[in-house]
Amino acid sequence: MSDDADRLPQFVIAGAPKAGTTALHAALATHPGLYLSPVKEPKYYLTGGRPPPRSRQRGPGDAHSAREWVWRRADYLRLFDGAPPGTVRGESTPFYLHDRAAQRRLVADVPGVRVIAVVRDPVDRAWSNWVHLRADGLEPEADFARAVEREESRVAAGWAPFWHYRGLGRYGEQLRDLYALLPRSQVLLLRYRQLVDTPRETLDRVSDFLGVEPGVAHTVAPENVKPFVADTPRYRALARVTRAGAALGAYAPPRVWRQVSRPLLAALHAGRVPRPPVPVDVRRAVLAPLLPDVALLEELTGESFDDWRRDTGRGDFRSRRPTSA
């Protein structure tokens, strides 16, 4: 166990991206018994104490984003210097669940860490992920299904974790590996719909899990919901400028590019339209390779996630549960 135990987080919100982790972080920060790091996604355990490798900075905006990662241990420890005595320290990096090396580093550094994982319908999660990147002008592929199809080649080319549309939603495999490192009593699995539909009860569950008084934390208006932006000639022109600017922004402090990019993002978001549903045929195609993982998640948890199989021709489209070896 690290000699810095009294300066490290005692819990993490480990994932998944676009599953309500930002809202959960903000809500827990309202609890006087908890201390959330002022940097919401430090990503420290993704780094191994080294700068993010350039081999994982190949996608649009990746190199700029990597400049915000907190990789120096001294800088990471300073994130918790403001914690009042007796508070429970935590941070949120929603890629820890997906990154197995991060899981191992975290548990080796903080063996008693409590991990909160939020899972969301993997197609809805991927759709929201794609909408987010499109709204930021970074995703060049205007068709969601084709963007998902390109995931493997992008991963092979070194694009950063946020481009892993299907991969980030393989919760069964992620939890299986996490459970091999930690007792299940140190892991709290939540569903995105619980945060949305029953926030008070869900926050009380989290408070009990973290050992602080329930009924104190309260919800905060969401800040990480991106608009759906129509694919128009104007959008495409602005997006090209944004991607070029993000590439140049890799050579400037992150705050500089964020300031410069605000007018561009405002112009991009001016093209917002109502978010359409995912077409049934696209949902089926995106979900099909993930069905064995959904079955694994059900085996691990003893819970049904059958609602994720909606619009898939339930009778013949569902995967079989994995059999014992």
C-alpha atoms as a PDB file:
ATOM      1  CA  MET A   1       0.000   0.000   0.000  1.00  0.00           C
ATOM      2  CA  SER A   2       1.234   3.494  -0.804  1.00  0.00           C
ATOM      3  CA  ASP A   3       2.862   5.707   1.843  1.00  0.00           C
ATOM      4  CA  ASP A   4       0.566   8.450   0.542  1.00  0.00           C
ATOM      5  CA  ALA A   5      -2.564   6.625   1.702  1.00  0.00           C
ATOM      6  CA  ASP A   6      -3.892   9.614   3.647  1.00  0.00           C
ATOM      7  CA  ARG A   7      -3.672  11.788   0.515  1.00  0.00           C
ATOM      8  CA  LEU A   8      -5.134   9.388  -2.044  1.00  0.00           C
ATOM      9  CA  PRO A   9      -8.767   8.909  -3.029  1.00  0.00           C
ATOM     10  CA  GLN A  10     -10.828   6.489  -0.969  1.00  0.00           C
ATOM     11  CA  PHE A  11     -13.322   6.011  -3.779  1.00  0.00           C
ATOM     12  CA  VAL A  12     -13.553   6.558  -7.506  1.00  0.00           C
ATOM     13  CA  ILE A  13     -16.387   6.879  -9.991  1.00  0.00           C
ATOM     14  CA  ALA A  14     -14.802   4.590 -12.560  1.00  0.00           C
ATOM     15  CA  GLY A  15     -17.229   4.653 -15.473  1.00  0.00           C
ATOM     16  CA  ALA A  16     -18.789   4.456 -17.836  1.00  0.00           C
ATOM     17  CA  PRO A  17     -18.444   7.583 -20.015  1.00  0.00           C
ATOM     18  CA  LYS A  18     -21.790   9.114 -21.042  1.00  0.00           C
ATOM     19  CA  ALA A  19     -23.568   7.148 -18.310  1.00  0.00           C
ATOM     20  CA  GLY A  20     -24.245   9.985 -15.864  1.00  0.00           C
ATOM     21  CA  THR A  21     -20.851  10.118 -14.152  1.00  0.00           C
ATOM     22  CA  THR A  22     -20.594  13.906 -14.446  1.00  0.00           C
ATOM     23  CA  ALA A  23     -23.984  14.371 -12.806  1.00  0.00           C
ATOM     24  CA  LEU A  24     -23.102  11.869 -10.081  1.00  0.00           C
ATOM     25  CA  HIS A  25     -19.790  13.633  -9.410  1.00  0.00           C
ATOM     26  CA  ALA A  26     -21.572  16.976  -9.092  1.00  0.00           C
ATOM     27  CA  ALA A  27     -24.223  15.535  -6.797  1.00  0.00           C
ATOM     28  CA  LEU A  28     -21.729  13.860  -4.468  1.00  0.00           C
ATOM     29  CA  ALA A  29     -19.739  17.088  -4.298  1.00  0.00           C
ATOM     30  CA  THR A  30     -22.729  18.653  -2.484  1.00  0.00           C
ATOM     31  CA  HIS A  31     -22.262  16.254   0.452  1.00  0.00           C
ATOM     32  CA  PRO A  32     -20.209  17.849   3.268  1.00  0.00           C
ATOM     33  CA  GLY A  33     -18.876  14.425   4.238  1.00  0.00           C
ATOM     34  CA  LEU A  34     -17.322  13.870   0.819  1.00  0.00           C
ATOM     35  CA  TYR A  35     -14.509  15.619  -0.983  1.00  0.00           C
ATOM     36  CA  LEU A  36     -14.393  15.351  -4.766  1.00  0.00           C
ATOM     37  CA  SER A  37     -11.211  16.365  -6.559  1.00  0.00           C
ATOM     38  CA  PRO A  38     -11.493  19.817  -8.171  1.00  0.00           C
ATOM     39  CA  VAL A  39     -10.318  18.277 -11.449  1.00  0.00           C
ATOM     40  CA  LYS A  40     -13.196  16.046 -12.455  1.00  0.00           C
ATOM     41  CA  GLU A  41     -11.262  13.627 -14.687  1.00  0.00           C
ATOM     42  CA  PRO A  42      -7.604  13.593 -13.645  1.00  0.00           C
ATOM     43  CA  LYS A  43      -7.023  10.220 -15.410  1.00  0.00           C
ATOM     44  CA  TYR A  44      -4.018   9.569 -13.182  1.00  0.00           C
ATOM     45  CA  TYR A  45      -4.322   5.776 -13.118  1.00  0.00           C
ATOM     46  CA  LEU A  46      -4.495   5.684 -16.900  1.00  0.00           C
ATOM     47  CA  THR A  47      -0.950   7.008 -17.078  1.00  0.00           C
ATOM     48  CA  GLY A  48       1.280   4.847 -14.911  1.00  0.00           C
ATOM     49  CA  GLY A  49       3.015   8.036 -13.771  1.00  0.00           C
ATOM     50  CA  ARG A  50       4.173   8.873 -17.285  1.00  0.00           C
ATOM     51  CA  PRO A  51       2.956  11.384 -19.872  1.00  0.00           C
ATOM     52  CA  PRO A  52       0.155   9.959 -22.055  1.00  0.00           C
ATOM     53  CA  PRO A  53       1.862   8.099 -24.925  1.00  0.00           C
ATOM     54  CA  ARG A  54       1.602   9.708 -28.336  1.00  0.00           C
ATOM     55  CA  SER A  55       0.520   6.333 -29.687  1.00  0.00           C
ATOM     56  CA  ARG A  56      -2.859   6.987 -27.992  1.00  0.00           C
ATOM     57  CA  GLN A  57      -3.264  10.534 -29.291  1.00  0.00           C
ATOM     58  CA  ARG A  58      -4.050   9.908 -32.968  1.00  0.00           C
ATOM     59  CA  GLY A  59      -7.732  10.890 -33.115  1.00  0.00           C
ATOM     60  CA  PRO A  60      -9.025  14.443 -33.638  1.00  0.00           C
ATOM     61  CA  GLY A  61      -8.471  16.436 -30.462  1.00  0.00           C
ATOM     62  CA  ASP A  62      -6.693  13.593 -28.660  1.00  0.00           C
ATOM     63  CA  ALA A  63      -3.320  15.316 -28.341  1.00  0.00           C
ATOM     64  CA  HIS A  64      -4.942  18.448 -26.942  1.00  0.00           C
ATOM     65  CA  SER A  65      -7.005  16.434 -24.475  1.00  0.00           C
ATOM     66  CA  ALA A  66      -3.928  14.511 -23.327  1.00  0.00           C
ATOM     67  CA  ARG A  67      -2.367  17.744 -22.082  1.00  0.00           C
ATOM     68  CA  GLU A  68      -5.049  17.847 -19.369  1.00  0.00           C
ATOM     69  CA  TRP A  69      -4.193  14.434 -17.937  1.00  0.00           C
ATOM     70  CA  VAL A  70      -2.706  14.571 -14.423  1.00  0.00           C
ATOM     71  CA  TRP A  71       0.207  12.146 -14.692  1.00  0.00           C
ATOM     72  CA  ARG A  72       2.680  13.469 -12.119  1.00  0.00           C
ATOM     73  CA  ARG A  73       2.054  11.904  -8.731  1.00  0.00           C
ATOM     74  CA  ALA A  74       2.761  15.103  -6.826  1.00  0.00           C
ATOM     75  CA  ASP A  75       0.153  16.941  -8.905  1.00  0.00           C
ATOM     76  CA  TYR A  76      -2.360  14.142  -8.321  1.00  0.00           C
ATOM     77  CA  LEU A  77      -1.835  14.148  -4.569  1.00  0.00           C
ATOM     78  CA  ARG A  78      -2.295  17.920  -4.491  1.00  0.00           C
ATOM     79  CA  LEU A  79      -5.830  17.448  -5.830  1.00  0.00           C
ATOM     80  CA  PHE A  80      -6.807  16.138  -2.394  1.00  0.00           C
ATOM     81  CA  ASP A  81      -4.920  18.653  -0.247  1.00  0.00           C
ATOM     82  CA  GLY A  82      -8.111  20.644   0.230  1.00  0.00           C
ATOM     83  CA  ALA A  83     -10.035  17.755   1.779  1.00  0.00           C
ATOM     84  CA  PRO A  84     -11.255  18.709   5.283  1.00  0.00           C
ATOM     85  CA  PRO A  85     -10.260  16.257   8.023  1.00  0.00           C
ATOM     86  CA  GLY A  86     -12.622  13.318   8.259  1.00  0.00           C
ATOM     87  CA  THR A  87     -14.112  13.664   4.790  1.00  0.00           C
ATOM     88  CA  VAL A  88     -14.102  10.772   2.343  1.00  0.00           C
ATOM     89  CA  ARG A  89     -11.938  11.621  -0.663  1.00  0.00           C
ATOM     90  CA  GLY A  90     -12.885  10.687  -4.205  1.00  0.00           C
ATOM     91  CA  GLU A  91     -12.394  11.408  -7.881  1.00  0.00           C
ATOM     92  CA  SER A  92     -14.151  10.569 -11.147  1.00  0.00           C
ATOM     93  CA  THR A  93     -12.404   9.200 -14.207  1.00  0.00           C
ATOM     94  CA  PRO A  94     -14.940   7.267 -16.277  1.00  0.00           C
ATOM     95  CA  PHE A  95     -12.259   5.369 -18.224  1.00  0.00           C
ATOM     96  CA  TYR A  96     -10.889   3.440 -15.235  1.00  0.00           C
ATOM     97  CA  LEU A  97     -13.529   0.733 -15.656  1.00  0.00           C
ATOM     98  CA  HIS A  98     -12.573   0.149 -19.295  1.00  0.00           C
ATOM     99  CA  ASP A  99      -8.782   0.328 -18.871  1.00  0.00           C
ATOM    100  CA  ARG A 100      -7.538  -2.875 -17.210  1.00  0.00           C
ATOM    101  CA  ALA A 101      -4.078  -1.467 -16.501  1.00  0.00           C
ATOM    102  CA  ALA A 102      -5.766   1.437 -14.705  1.00  0.00           C
ATOM    103  CA  GLN A 103      -7.795  -1.037 -12.642  1.00  0.00           C
ATOM    104  CA  ARG A 104      -4.616  -2.814 -11.571  1.00  0.00           C
ATOM    105  CA  ARG A 105      -2.738   0.401 -10.773  1.00  0.00           C
ATOM    106  CA  LEU A 106      -5.650   1.750  -8.740  1.00  0.00           C
ATOM    107  CA  VAL A 107      -6.077  -1.399  -6.649  1.00  0.00           C
ATOM    108  CA  ALA A 108      -2.319  -1.752  -6.088  1.00  0.00           C
ATOM    109  CA  ASP A 109      -2.120   1.867  -4.900  1.00  0.00           C
ATOM    110  CA  VAL A 110      -5.355   1.915  -2.879  1.00  0.00           C
ATOM    111  CA  PRO A 111      -6.296  -1.674  -1.930  1.00  0.00           C
ATOM    112  CA  GLY A 112      -9.303  -0.534   0.074  1.00  0.00           C
ATOM    113  CA  VAL A 113     -10.681   1.721  -2.661  1.00  0.00           C
ATOM    114  CA  ARG A 114     -14.420   1.729  -3.245  1.00  0.00           C
ATOM    115  CA  VAL A 115     -15.413   1.775  -6.887  1.00  0.00           C
ATOM    116  CA  ILE A 116     -18.675   3.124  -8.269  1.00  0.00           C
ATOM    117  CA  ALA A 117     -19.552   1.913 -11.762  1.00  0.00           C
ATOM    118  CA  VAL A 118     -22.541   3.223 -13.700  1.00  0.00           C
ATOM    119  CA  VAL A 119     -23.713   1.220 -16.689  1.00  0.00           C
ATOM    120  CA  ARG A 120     -26.020   2.385 -19.441  1.00  0.00           C
ATOM    121  CA  ASP A 121     -27.667   0.671 -22.392  1.00  0.00           C
ATOM    122  CA  PRO A 122     -24.528   0.189 -24.509  1.00  0.00           C
ATOM    123  CA  VAL A 123     -26.175   1.408 -27.712  1.00  0.00           C
ATOM    124  CA  ASP A 124     -27.560   4.527 -26.028  1.00  0.00           C
ATOM    125  CA  ARG A 125     -24.149   5.096 -24.443  1.00  0.00           C
ATOM    126  CA  ALA A 126     -22.377   4.797 -27.798  1.00  0.00           C
ATOM    127  CA  TRP A 127     -24.963   7.054 -29.468  1.00  0.00           C
ATOM    128  CA  SER A 128     -24.520   9.718 -26.789  1.00  0.00           C
ATOM    129  CA  ASN A 129     -20.739   9.366 -27.142  1.00  0.00           C
ATOM    130  CA  TRP A 130     -20.970   9.943 -30.917  1.00  0.00           C
ATOM    131  CA  VAL A 131     -23.364  12.903 -30.464  1.00  0.00           C
ATOM    132  CA  HIS A 132     -20.902  14.422 -27.972  1.00  0.00           C
ATOM    133  CA  LEU A 133     -17.973  14.182 -30.380  1.00  0.00           C
ATOM    134  CA  ARG A 134     -20.068  15.471 -33.283  1.00  0.00           C
ATOM    135  CA  ALA A 135     -21.228  18.442 -31.190  1.00  0.00           C
ATOM    136  CA  ASP A 136     -17.592  19.248 -30.432  1.00  0.00           C
ATOM    137  CA  GLY A 137     -16.783  19.139 -34.144  1.00  0.00           C
ATOM    138  CA  LEU A 138     -14.327  16.261 -33.674  1.00  0.00           C
ATOM    139  CA  GLU A 139     -16.111  13.224 -35.127  1.00  0.00           C
ATOM    140  CA  PRO A 140     -15.711  13.438 -38.923  1.00  0.00           C
ATOM    141  CA  GLU A 141     -18.117  10.554 -39.627  1.00  0.00           C
ATOM    142  CA  ALA A 142     -21.677  11.861 -40.067  1.00  0.00           C
ATOM    143  CA  ASP A 143     -23.245   8.401 -39.910  1.00  0.00           C
ATOM    144  CA  PHE A 144     -23.363   6.801 -36.453  1.00  0.00           C
ATOM    145  CA  ALA A 145     -23.372   3.220 -37.737  1.00  0.00           C
ATOM    146  CA  ARG A 146     -20.343   3.832 -39.934  1.00  0.00           C
ATOM    147  CA  ALA A 147     -18.523   5.522 -37.054  1.00  0.00           C
ATOM    148  CA  VAL A 148     -19.078   2.402 -34.945  1.00  0.00           C
ATOM    149  CA  GLU A 149     -17.901   0.197 -37.814  1.00  0.00           C
ATOM    150  CA  ARG A 150     -14.673   2.191 -37.965  1.00  0.00           C
ATOM    151  CA  GLU A 151     -13.948   1.682 -34.265  1.00  0.00           C
ATOM    152  CA  GLU A 152     -11.553  -1.254 -34.636  1.00  0.00           C
ATOM    153  CA  SER A 153      -9.415   0.466 -37.248  1.00  0.00           C
ATOM    154  CA  ARG A 154      -9.355   3.654 -35.191  1.00  0.00           C
ATOM    155  CA  VAL A 155      -8.330   1.782 -32.040  1.00  0.00           C
ATOM    156  CA  ALA A 156      -5.594   0.029 -34.002  1.00  0.00           C
ATOM    157  CA  ALA A 157      -4.420   3.429 -35.240  1.00  0.00           C
ATOM    158  CA  GLY A 158      -4.116   4.719 -31.667  1.00  0.00           C
ATOM    159  CA  TRP A 159      -7.242   6.841 -31.229  1.00  0.00           C
ATOM    160  CA  ALA A 160      -7.936   7.637 -27.564  1.00  0.00           C
ATOM    161  CA  PRO A 161     -10.397   5.692 -25.354  1.00  0.00           C
ATOM    162  CA  PHE A 162     -13.361   8.056 -25.906  1.00  0.00           C
ATOM    163  CA  TRP A 163     -13.545   6.825 -29.525  1.00  0.00           C
ATOM    164  CA  HIS A 164     -14.189   3.240 -28.369  1.00  0.00           C
ATOM    165  CA  TYR A 165     -17.909   3.288 -29.061  1.00  0.00           C
ATOM    166  CA  ARG A 166     -18.595  -0.398 -28.468  1.00  0.00           C
ATOM    167  CA  GLY A 167     -15.552  -1.123 -26.323  1.00  0.00           C
ATOM    168  CA  LEU A 168     -16.556   1.263 -23.540  1.00  0.00           C
ATOM    169  CA  GLY A 169     -19.886  -0.571 -23.274  1.00  0.00           C
ATOM    170  CA  ARG A 170     -18.478  -4.055 -22.663  1.00  0.00           C
ATOM    171  CA  TYR A 171     -19.393  -3.881 -18.987  1.00  0.00           C
ATOM    172  CA  GLY A 172     -19.492  -7.637 -18.414  1.00  0.00           C
ATOM    173  CA  GLU A 173     -15.832  -8.096 -19.314  1.00  0.00           C
ATOM    174  CA  GLN A 174     -14.849  -4.940 -17.428  1.00  0.00           C
ATOM    175  CA  LEU A 175     -16.609  -5.982 -14.226  1.00  0.00           C
ATOM    176  CA  ARG A 176     -15.363  -9.561 -14.474  1.00  0.00           C
ATOM    177  CA  ASP A 177     -11.793  -8.266 -14.444  1.00  0.00           C
ATOM    178  CA  LEU A 178     -12.477  -5.735 -11.692  1.00  0.00           C
ATOM    179  CA  TYR A 179     -14.080  -8.417  -9.502  1.00  0.00           C
ATOM    180  CA  ALA A 180     -10.885 -10.443  -9.880  1.00  0.00           C
ATOM    181  CA  LEU A 181      -9.009  -7.577  -8.203  1.00  0.00           C
ATOM    182  CA  LEU A 182     -11.457  -6.375  -5.553  1.00  0.00           C
ATOM    183  CA  PRO A 183     -14.053  -7.932  -3.246  1.00  0.00           C
ATOM    184  CA  ARG A 184     -17.520  -7.266  -4.597  1.00  0.00           C
ATOM    185  CA  SER A 185     -18.329  -5.440  -1.361  1.00  0.00           C
ATOM    186  CA  GLN A 186     -15.991  -2.673  -2.597  1.00  0.00           C
ATOM    187  CA  VAL A 187     -17.837  -2.231  -5.895  1.00  0.00           C
ATOM    188  CA  LEU A 188     -21.197  -0.523  -6.317  1.00  0.00           C
ATOM    189  CA  LEU A 189     -22.918  -1.090  -9.650  1.00  0.00           C
ATOM    190  CA  LEU A 190     -25.549   1.460 -10.638  1.00  0.00           C
ATOM    191  CA  ARG A 191     -27.693   1.867 -13.718  1.00  0.00           C
ATOM    192  CA  TYR A 192     -27.964   5.114 -15.588  1.00  0.00           C
ATOM    193  CA  ARG A 193     -31.762   4.916 -15.415  1.00  0.00           C
ATOM    194  CA  GLN A 194     -31.575   4.826 -11.619  1.00  0.00           C
ATOM    195  CA  LEU A 195     -29.718   8.144 -11.609  1.00  0.00           C
ATOM    196  CA  VAL A 196     -32.339   9.604 -13.939  1.00  0.00           C
ATOM    197  CA  ASP A 197     -35.543   8.080 -12.560  1.00  0.00           C
ATOM    198  CA  THR A 198     -34.848   7.766  -8.810  1.00  0.00           C
ATOM    199  CA  PRO A 199     -31.991  10.174  -8.056  1.00  0.00           C
ATOM    200  CA  ARG A 200     -32.703  10.638  -4.351  1.00  0.00           C
ATOM    201  CA  GLU A 201     -32.857   6.935  -3.596  1.00  0.00           C
ATOM    202  CA  THR A 202     -29.783   6.307  -5.735  1.00  0.00           C
ATOM    203  CA  LEU A 203     -27.746   9.008  -4.003  1.00  0.00           C
ATOM    204  CA  ASP A 204     -28.730   7.469  -0.676  1.00  0.00           C
ATOM    205  CA  ARG A 205     -27.423   4.092  -1.895  1.00  0.00           C
ATOM    206  CA  VAL A 206     -24.138   5.720  -2.861  1.00  0.00           C
ATOM    207  CA  SER A 207     -23.924   7.531   0.493  1.00  0.00           C
ATOM    208  CA  ASP A 208     -24.467   4.271   2.383  1.00  0.00           C
ATOM    209  CA  PHE A 209     -21.811   2.611   0.228  1.00  0.00           C
ATOM    210  CA  LEU A 210     -19.317   5.380   1.037  1.00  0.00           C
ATOM    211  CA  GLY A 211     -20.183   5.426   4.736  1.00  0.00           C
ATOM    212  CA  VAL A 212     -21.606   8.942   4.886  1.00  0.00           C
ATOM    213  CA  GLU A 213     -24.995  10.195   5.984  1.00  0.00           C
ATOM    214  CA  PRO A 214     -27.796   9.567   3.470  1.00  0.00           C
ATOM    215  CA  GLY A 215     -30.342  12.226   2.583  1.00  0.00           C
ATOM    216  CA  VAL A 216     -27.739  14.988   2.303  1.00  0.00           C
ATOM    217  CA  ALA A 217     -26.367  14.917  -1.258  1.00  0.00           C
ATOM    218  CA  HIS A 218     -28.677  16.460  -3.840  1.00  0.00           C
ATOM    219  CA  THR A 219     -28.874  16.488  -7.590  1.00  0.00           C
ATOM    220  CA  VAL A 220     -27.332  19.238  -9.691  1.00  0.00           C
ATOM    221  CA  ALA A 221     -28.496  20.358 -13.125  1.00  0.00           C
ATOM    222  CA  PRO A 222     -26.591  18.383 -15.782  1.00  0.00           C
ATOM    223  CA  GLU A 223     -23.748  20.214 -17.532  1.00  0.00           C
ATOM    224  CA  ASN A 224     -22.403  17.534 -19.874  1.00  0.00           C
ATOM    225  CA  VAL A 225     -25.386  17.067 -22.204  1.00  0.00           C
ATOM    226  CA  LYS A 226     -24.370  17.865 -25.766  1.00  0.00           C
ATOM    227  CA  PRO A 227     -26.848  18.982 -28.456  1.00  0.00           C
ATOM    228  CA  PHE A 228     -27.532  16.997 -31.593  1.00  0.00           C
ATOM    229  CA  VAL A 229     -26.117  19.029 -34.465  1.00  0.00           C
ATOM    230  CA  ALA A 230     -27.370  18.604 -38.025  1.00  0.00           C
ATOM    231  CA  ASP A 231     -24.884  17.645 -40.722  1.00  0.00           C
ATOM    232  CA  THR A 232     -24.948  20.667 -43.013  1.00  0.00           C
ATOM    233  CA  PRO A 233     -22.330  22.348 -45.219  1.00  0.00           C
ATOM    234  CA  ARG A 234     -21.988  25.032 -42.549  1.00  0.00           C
ATOM    235  CA  TYR A 235     -21.436  22.404 -39.842  1.00  0.00           C
ATOM    236  CA  ARG A 236     -18.841  20.560 -41.912  1.00  0.00           C
ATOM    237  CA  ALA A 237     -16.891  23.756 -42.578  1.00  0.00           C
ATOM    238  CA  LEU A 238     -16.919  24.735 -38.897  1.00  0.00           C
ATOM    239  CA  ALA A 239     -15.972  21.208 -37.847  1.00  0.00           C
ATOM    240  CA  ARG A 240     -12.951  21.201 -40.148  1.00  0.00           C
ATOM    241  CA  VAL A 241     -11.780  24.436 -38.559  1.00  0.00           C
ATOM    242  CA  THR A 242     -12.390  22.975 -35.103  1.00  0.00           C
ATOM    243  CA  ARG A 243     -10.365  19.833 -35.803  1.00  0.00           C
ATOM    244  CA  ALA A 244      -7.512  21.900 -37.231  1.00  0.00           C
ATOM    245  CA  GLY A 245      -7.614  24.192 -34.207  1.00  0.00           C
ATOM    246  CA  ALA A 246      -7.628  21.237 -31.811  1.00  0.00           C
ATOM    247  CA  ALA A 247      -4.516  19.881 -33.531  1.00  0.00           C
ATOM    248  CA  LEU A 248      -2.760  23.212 -33.059  1.00  0.00           C
ATOM    249  CA  GLY A 249      -4.126  23.394 -29.522  1.00  0.00           C
ATOM    250  CA  ALA A 250      -1.960  20.415 -28.640  1.00  0.00           C
ATOM    251  CA  TYR A 251       0.964  22.857 -28.513  1.00  0.00           C
ATOM    252  CA  ALA A 252      -0.713  25.379 -26.217  1.00  0.00           C
ATOM    253  CA  PRO A 253      -1.927  25.175 -22.614  1.00  0.00           C
ATOM    254  CA  PRO A 254      -5.381  23.542 -22.509  1.00  0.00           C
ATOM    255  CA  ARG A 255      -7.035  26.671 -21.112  1.00  0.00           C
ATOM    256  CA  VAL A 256      -5.873  28.638 -24.150  1.00  0.00           C
ATOM    257  CA  TRP A 257      -7.563  26.337 -26.663  1.00  0.00           C
ATOM    258  CA  ARG A 258     -10.698  26.110 -24.515  1.00  0.00           C
ATOM    259  CA  GLN A 259     -10.971  29.890 -24.534  1.00  0.00           C
ATOM    260  CA  VAL A 260     -10.300  30.181 -28.259  1.00  0.00           C
ATOM    261  CA  SER A 261     -12.685  27.349 -29.135  1.00  0.00           C
ATOM    262  CA  ARG A 262     -15.731  28.767 -27.353  1.00  0.00           C
ATOM    263  CA  PRO A 263     -16.952  30.855 -30.323  1.00  0.00           C
ATOM    264  CA  LEU A 264     -16.469  27.851 -32.611  1.00  0.00           C
ATOM    265  CA  LEU A 265     -18.458  25.576 -30.313  1.00  0.00           C
ATOM    266  CA  ALA A 266     -21.200  28.173 -29.997  1.00  0.00           C
ATOM    267  CA  ALA A 267     -21.374  28.387 -33.796  1.00  0.00           C
ATOM    268  CA  LEU A 268     -21.479  24.592 -34.083  1.00  0.00           C
ATOM    269  CA  HIS A 269     -24.218  24.292 -31.476  1.00  0.00           C
ATOM    270  CA  ALA A 270     -26.299  26.938 -33.238  1.00  0.00           C
ATOM    271  CA  GLY A 271     -27.125  24.180 -35.719  1.00  0.00           C
ATOM    272  CA  ARG A 272     -28.790  22.044 -33.073  1.00  0.00           C
ATOM    273  CA  VAL A 273     -31.936  20.108 -33.940  1.00  0.00           C
ATOM    274  CA  PRO A 274     -34.058  17.683 -31.899  1.00  0.00           C
ATOM    275  CA  ARG A 275     -32.123  14.502 -31.197  1.00  0.00           C
ATOM    276  CA  PRO A 276     -33.605  11.640 -33.247  1.00  0.00           C
ATOM    277  CA  PRO A 277     -33.894   8.086 -31.909  1.00  0.00           C
ATOM    278  CA  VAL A 278     -31.449   5.430 -32.999  1.00  0.00           C
ATOM    279  CA  PRO A 279     -33.039   3.596 -35.956  1.00  0.00           C
ATOM    280  CA  VAL A 280     -34.053   0.028 -35.094  1.00  0.00           C
ATOM    281  CA  ASP A 281     -31.822  -1.545 -37.743  1.00  0.00           C
ATOM    282  CA  VAL A 282     -28.834   0.464 -36.503  1.00  0.00           C
ATOM    283  CA  ARG A 283     -29.564  -0.479 -32.886  1.00  0.00           C
ATOM    284  CA  ARG A 284     -29.612  -4.132 -33.851  1.00  0.00           C
ATOM    285  CA  ALA A 285     -26.343  -3.894 -35.769  1.00  0.00           C
ATOM    286  CA  VAL A 286     -24.508  -2.033 -32.990  1.00  0.00           C
ATOM    287  CA  LEU A 287     -25.832  -4.295 -30.232  1.00  0.00           C
ATOM    288  CA  ALA A 288     -25.341  -7.675 -31.922  1.00  0.00           C
ATOM    289  CA  PRO A 289     -21.619  -8.105 -31.084  1.00  0.00           C
ATOM    290  CA  LEU A 290     -22.304  -6.946 -27.511  1.00  0.00           C
ATOM    291  CA  LEU A 291     -25.024  -9.475 -26.684  1.00  0.00           C
ATOM    292  CA  PRO A 292     -22.637 -12.079 -25.246  1.00  0.00           C
ATOM    293  CA  ASP A 293     -21.226  -9.372 -22.981  1.00  0.00           C
ATOM    294  CA  VAL A 294     -24.718  -8.403 -21.802  1.00  0.00           C
ATOM    295  CA  ALA A 295     -25.280 -12.068 -20.959  1.00  0.00           C
ATOM    296  CA  LEU A 296     -21.985 -12.107 -19.045  1.00  0.00           C
ATOM    297  CA  LEU A 297     -23.071  -9.025 -17.090  1.00  0.00           C
ATOM    298  CA  GLU A 298     -26.283 -10.813 -16.149  1.00  0.00           C
ATOM    299  CA  GLU A 299     -24.311 -13.874 -15.016  1.00  0.00           C
ATOM    300  CA  LEU A 300     -22.020 -11.740 -12.874  1.00  0.00           C
ATOM    301  CA  THR A 301     -24.759  -9.679 -11.247  1.00  0.00           C
ATOM    302  CA  GLY A 302     -27.736 -12.029 -11.204  1.00  0.00           C
ATOM    303  CA  GLU A 303     -29.782  -9.173 -12.660  1.00  0.00           C
ATOM    304  CA  SER A 304     -31.680  -8.918 -15.917  1.00  0.00           C
ATOM    305  CA  PHE A 305     -30.654  -6.358 -18.508  1.00  0.00           C
ATOM    306  CA  ASP A 306     -33.299  -7.475 -20.947  1.00  0.00           C
ATOM    307  CA  ASP A 307     -34.484  -3.891 -21.456  1.00  0.00           C
ATOM    308  CA  TRP A 308     -31.240  -3.278 -23.369  1.00  0.00           C
ATOM    309  CA  ARG A 309     -32.416  -5.812 -25.937  1.00  0.00           C
ATOM    310  CA  ARG A 310     -35.441  -3.759 -26.920  1.00  0.00           C
ATOM    311  CA  ASP A 311     -36.197  -3.348 -30.623  1.00  0.00           C
ATOM    312  CA  THR A 312     -34.053  -6.355 -31.415  1.00  0.00           C
ATOM    313  CA  GLY A 313     -36.569  -9.079 -32.219  1.00  0.00           C
ATOM    314  CA  ARG A 314     -36.320 -10.570 -28.743  1.00  0.00           C
ATOM    315  CA  GLY A 315     -37.273 -14.095 -29.689  1.00  0.00           C
ATOM    316  CA  ASP A 316     -34.420 -14.841 -32.071  1.00  0.00           C
ATOM    317  CA  PHE A 317     -31.927 -11.979 -31.703  1.00  0.00           C
ATOM    318  CA  ARG A 318     -30.876 -12.492 -28.094  1.00  0.00           C
ATOM    319  CA  SER A 319     -27.615 -14.224 -27.392  1.00  0.00           C
ATOM    320  CA  ARG A 320     -27.476 -17.359 -25.318  1.00  0.00           C
ATOM    321  CA  ARG A 321     -25.970 -17.154 -21.896  1.00  0.00           C
ATOM    322  CA  PRO A 322     -22.376 -18.385 -21.828  1.00  0.00           C
ATOM    323  CA  THR A 323     -21.982 -22.000 -20.745  1.00  0.00           C
ATOM    324  CA  SER A 324     -19.399 -23.297 -18.323  1.00  0.00           C
ATOM    325  CA  ALA A 325     -16.077 -24.423 -19.792  1.00  0.00           C
END
